[in-house]
Amino acid sequence: MPSEKIQEILNELNNIMNVEKKYIELVATVEYLLNLIEPSKREKFREALNDAESVEDVYELIKAIKLQLGIQGAKKYVLKIEEG
C-alpha cells in the first residue's frame, strides 16, 4: 500500500487525467457538431473552440451550437411550409 503522500499524488494525477479525458471527449463532440453547422457560420464556432480555456467553456460552446442547429432546423421547417 502506497504511503499517504504518494496516494495523494496518484489521486491528483487521476483527477487531472479525468478532466483532460473529458475535455478531449467534448472537443471531439464539438468537432462533429461543427460539421452540422451551415458553412457561413462554422468558422466563428471553430474560433470559439480554439479560444476555449476549460471544460466549462466547451460546455457553453456546445449549448451555443445546439441553439444554432435549432435555428437552422427551424429555418428549414419554415421554408418547407412556405413552399408547400
C-alpha atoms as a PDB file:
ATOM      1  CA  MET A   1       0.000   0.000   0.000  1.00  0.00           C
ATOM      2  CA  PRO A   2       1.490   3.376  -1.002  1.00  0.00           C
ATOM      3  CA  SER A   3       2.108   5.993   1.618  1.00  0.00           C
ATOM      4  CA  GLU A   4      -0.483   8.689   2.194  1.00  0.00           C
ATOM      5  CA  LYS A   5       1.583  11.301   0.323  1.00  0.00           C
ATOM      6  CA  ILE A   6       2.052   9.046  -2.711  1.00  0.00           C
ATOM      7  CA  GLN A   7      -1.641   8.173  -2.686  1.00  0.00           C
ATOM      8  CA  GLU A   8      -2.444  11.902  -2.657  1.00  0.00           C
ATOM      9  CA  ILE A   9      -0.219  12.450  -5.682  1.00  0.00           C
ATOM     10  CA  LEU A  10      -1.792   9.494  -7.515  1.00  0.00           C
ATOM     11  CA  ASN A  11      -5.291  10.758  -6.771  1.00  0.00           C
ATOM     12  CA  GLU A  12      -4.410  14.223  -8.009  1.00  0.00           C
ATOM     13  CA  LEU A  13      -2.945  12.831 -11.232  1.00  0.00           C
ATOM     14  CA  ASN A  14      -6.026  10.660 -11.776  1.00  0.00           C
ATOM     15  CA  ASN A  15      -8.250  13.702 -11.329  1.00  0.00           C
ATOM     16  CA  ILE A  16      -6.203  15.666 -13.865  1.00  0.00           C
ATOM     17  CA  MET A  17      -6.387  12.780 -16.334  1.00  0.00           C
ATOM     18  CA  ASN A  18     -10.159  12.544 -15.917  1.00  0.00           C
ATOM     19  CA  VAL A  19     -10.577  16.262 -16.597  1.00  0.00           C
ATOM     20  CA  GLU A  20      -8.310  16.064 -19.644  1.00  0.00           C
ATOM     21  CA  LYS A  21     -10.159  12.969 -20.870  1.00  0.00           C
ATOM     22  CA  LYS A  22     -13.480  14.793 -20.551  1.00  0.00           C
ATOM     23  CA  TYR A  23     -12.065  17.827 -22.359  1.00  0.00           C
ATOM     24  CA  ILE A  24     -10.837  15.654 -25.240  1.00  0.00           C
ATOM     25  CA  GLU A  25     -14.227  13.932 -25.494  1.00  0.00           C
ATOM     26  CA  LEU A  26     -16.023  17.282 -25.532  1.00  0.00           C
ATOM     27  CA  VAL A  27     -13.716  18.719 -28.183  1.00  0.00           C
ATOM     28  CA  ALA A  28     -14.342  15.654 -30.358  1.00  0.00           C
ATOM     29  CA  THR A  29     -18.082  16.192 -29.909  1.00  0.00           C
ATOM     30  CA  VAL A  30     -17.783  19.847 -30.908  1.00  0.00           C
ATOM     31  CA  GLU A  31     -15.728  18.922 -33.975  1.00  0.00           C
ATOM     32  CA  TYR A  32     -18.512  16.563 -35.049  1.00  0.00           C
ATOM     33  CA  LEU A  33     -21.228  19.153 -34.402  1.00  0.00           C
ATOM     34  CA  LEU A  34     -19.301  21.807 -36.329  1.00  0.00           C
ATOM     35  CA  ASN A  35     -19.859  19.774 -39.475  1.00  0.00           C
ATOM     36  CA  LEU A  36     -23.625  20.165 -38.987  1.00  0.00           C
ATOM     37  CA  ILE A  37     -23.465  23.959 -38.827  1.00  0.00           C
ATOM     38  CA  GLU A  38     -24.044  25.868 -42.049  1.00  0.00           C
ATOM     39  CA  PRO A  39     -20.681  26.739 -43.606  1.00  0.00           C
ATOM     40  CA  SER A  40     -21.113  30.505 -43.337  1.00  0.00           C
ATOM     41  CA  LYS A  41     -21.242  30.286 -39.518  1.00  0.00           C
ATOM     42  CA  ARG A  42     -18.854  27.393 -38.969  1.00  0.00           C
ATOM     43  CA  GLU A  43     -15.637  29.422 -38.684  1.00  0.00           C
ATOM     44  CA  LYS A  44     -16.989  31.556 -35.839  1.00  0.00           C
ATOM     45  CA  PHE A  45     -17.712  28.426 -33.806  1.00  0.00           C
ATOM     46  CA  ARG A  46     -14.335  26.917 -34.674  1.00  0.00           C
ATOM     47  CA  GLU A  47     -12.618  30.076 -33.398  1.00  0.00           C
ATOM     48  CA  ALA A  48     -14.617  29.839 -30.181  1.00  0.00           C
ATOM     49  CA  LEU A  49     -13.436  26.254 -29.735  1.00  0.00           C
ATOM     50  CA  ASN A  50      -9.832  27.343 -30.222  1.00  0.00           C
ATOM     51  CA  ASP A  51     -10.325  30.059 -27.595  1.00  0.00           C
ATOM     52  CA  ALA A  52     -11.907  27.697 -25.043  1.00  0.00           C
ATOM     53  CA  GLU A  53      -9.840  27.508 -21.892  1.00  0.00           C
ATOM     54  CA  SER A  54     -11.761  24.981 -19.822  1.00  0.00           C
ATOM     55  CA  VAL A  55     -14.288  22.181 -19.857  1.00  0.00           C
ATOM     56  CA  GLU A  56     -16.929  24.731 -18.855  1.00  0.00           C
ATOM     57  CA  ASP A  57     -16.118  26.837 -21.916  1.00  0.00           C
ATOM     58  CA  VAL A  58     -16.609  23.818 -24.165  1.00  0.00           C
ATOM     59  CA  TYR A  59     -19.933  23.008 -22.479  1.00  0.00           C
ATOM     60  CA  GLU A  60     -21.088  26.567 -23.159  1.00  0.00           C
ATOM     61  CA  LEU A  61     -19.951  26.255 -26.765  1.00  0.00           C
ATOM     62  CA  ILE A  62     -21.983  23.051 -27.125  1.00  0.00           C
ATOM     63  CA  LYS A  63     -25.030  24.951 -25.841  1.00  0.00           C
ATOM     64  CA  ALA A  64     -24.435  27.648 -28.463  1.00  0.00           C
ATOM     65  CA  ILE A  65     -24.063  25.027 -31.195  1.00  0.00           C
ATOM     66  CA  LYS A  66     -27.341  23.409 -30.138  1.00  0.00           C
ATOM     67  CA  LEU A  67     -29.057  26.784 -30.433  1.00  0.00           C
ATOM     68  CA  GLN A  68     -27.531  27.336 -33.870  1.00  0.00           C
ATOM     69  CA  LEU A  69     -28.643  23.890 -35.041  1.00  0.00           C
ATOM     70  CA  GLY A  70     -32.131  24.574 -33.700  1.00  0.00           C
ATOM     71  CA  ILE A  71     -32.293  27.839 -35.621  1.00  0.00           C
ATOM     72  CA  GLN A  72     -31.120  26.104 -38.779  1.00  0.00           C
ATOM     73  CA  GLY A  73     -33.761  23.395 -38.345  1.00  0.00           C
ATOM     74  CA  ALA A  74     -36.478  25.958 -37.725  1.00  0.00           C
ATOM     75  CA  LYS A  75     -35.496  27.877 -40.865  1.00  0.00           C
ATOM     76  CA  LYS A  76     -35.669  24.717 -42.965  1.00  0.00           C
ATOM     77  CA  TYR A  77     -39.055  23.824 -41.462  1.00  0.00           C
ATOM     78  CA  VAL A  78     -40.467  27.288 -42.150  1.00  0.00           C
ATOM     79  CA  LEU A  79     -39.146  27.256 -45.704  1.00  0.00           C
ATOM     80  CA  LYS A  80     -40.774  23.868 -46.340  1.00  0.00           C
ATOM     81  CA  ILE A  81     -44.107  25.162 -45.062  1.00  0.00           C
ATOM     82  CA  GLU A  82     -43.872  28.264 -47.252  1.00  0.00           C
ATOM     83  CA  GLU A  83     -43.066  26.138 -50.310  1.00  0.00           C
ATOM     84  CA  GLY A  84     -45.829  23.641 -49.591  1.00  0.00           C
END
